[in-house]
Amino acid sequence: STGTPASAASTNKSRAAPTGSKTTAASTGTEDYDLTYDSSDEAHLEPNVRECGLSAFDKEKYIALIADHEPDFLASEDPEAAHGLMQWEVMVRTVGEQGTTYQWRLGCVHTLAPMTIVLDGADSNDIPTPNENAPNVVVDFGGKDREMLSLRIDNFHDGTKGAGFCWFRIQPTAAYKRDRLRAAIRARRAFEKRTGRGRQNERGDGQCGFRAVVRQILRARGIYLRASESAVTQNHIKECRDTIGKSLIANADLLSQMHGGRRHEASPGQLVARGQAMKDASPKPCLDKRDLWYGGPNGADSGALAMAQNVTVYVLTQLVTCVRVYEPDGSYQDNVELDDINPQPGDIVIEFVNGNHFESFVVPNPKGAVKSPLSNKSSVDVWKTVPSRSGSVQPHRRGSVPSHRRGSVPSHRRGPGSTLPGRREQSSKAR
């Protein structure tokens, strides 16, 4: 439920919109129910069902669409605006004739209701005007059970507001997941095309978040790693942990104000303790130490990272088109549409996957760029630069042997007519 908790439900006694079951098309007036109620009604109603329609349907089969699907188009005065409701599956809370019984019912918007008008005054020359509270749709509740109802933006909620007649949209879970997946894929493809960033898988060893972050930090420094899950070394991870840990400690008060949460999950003392733990943690795989994974209470790690690097950090979530954006001043924004963001090359973009893993969206290495080392000289995944004879810079794998040294002997050290083992004597022309 996105509304008020049951304990704080409103006791509004205003009239709700008429359900329309006793209103005919082109009538000269409206006949509506008295939907007011007082405390005596409580004896006739089961509180949870009365307060919230979420308990009135199978949550495994259906998903409630309330906050994200508010039908703003119904605010239009155009009587045809209700066309947008066609084929919506809805939960409607109807009432009995005595106004003291409530029932949630699942239906599907079938057609538009015939326009209902009222005549203002007795003068026959008065122009009929549409009734704003008249039924606007016909809802099919199955079989031959159909009713003309007034589904408006004003009564679009889950029942927690205390009104008698209300409704909200639902959708089969399978269809909802399918539509959400398609929308997320479209948004990510458009994002990649717009920004030039590509998705990079990271090794899932408990350090994936730090791998996803430090890969982009190094790239901003001109240190280009291979597009490999193993390219980020333990030294890289250690440096990233130290950076975030120091920022958590130094900015604990501000970050606590921004990320404290309703239950104060991120108090200054907790953030300082986490920062110290981050600095002390080993960069080795830590799948069994969830409290050392990237994230922190209410995402405070991303806030600390944005402040430490003076960049914007974007955190995507799998199958969701909204993004959380962390700014260098320690603040953050929720529910920013992926289509609306445009990260700079130095900004950091990561994605939270399956509830326990991070991957990165990285800026591709420029053409001709050379992979460079940071601090771990023994890493087989770090490259160095070797100038070519032409003066250009060519990539050269650390640990590899230059071609003129592979099993060969400089000509000035060879004896006359000597040959290399297993090789034929080459002619001077071939050389």
Foldseek 3Di string as FASTA:
>chain_A
DPDDDLVPADQDFDADFAFQQPPDAQDQDDDGARQGDDPVLVVVDDSVVQQFVVVVDDVQFKDFDAPPCQLPLLVDPPLCSCVVQAQFWKWKWDADRVNSDIDIAIWTFHAFHHFYWHFDDDDPPGDTDTDLRHFTTWTGRDDPDIGRGNAGSVQADGNRNPTRIHMGTMDTPVVVLVVLQVVQVVLVVVLCVQAVWDWADADPQLLQVLVQFLQLQCVVVLAHFDSDNCRQDQVSSLVSLLLLLVLLLVCLCVLQVAQLDPVGQRHSVNSNVLSVCSNPDGSGGCPVCNSNHQQGRNRSSQLSVCQSVVAKEWEAEPSHQFIWIHGNVSHIDTRHGSNPDHGDQSYWYWYHYPPRHIIGTHNDDDPLREHADDPDLPDQRGWHWDQDPVRRIDIDGPPDDPPCPVQDDPPVPDDPPDDGPPDDDDDPVVD
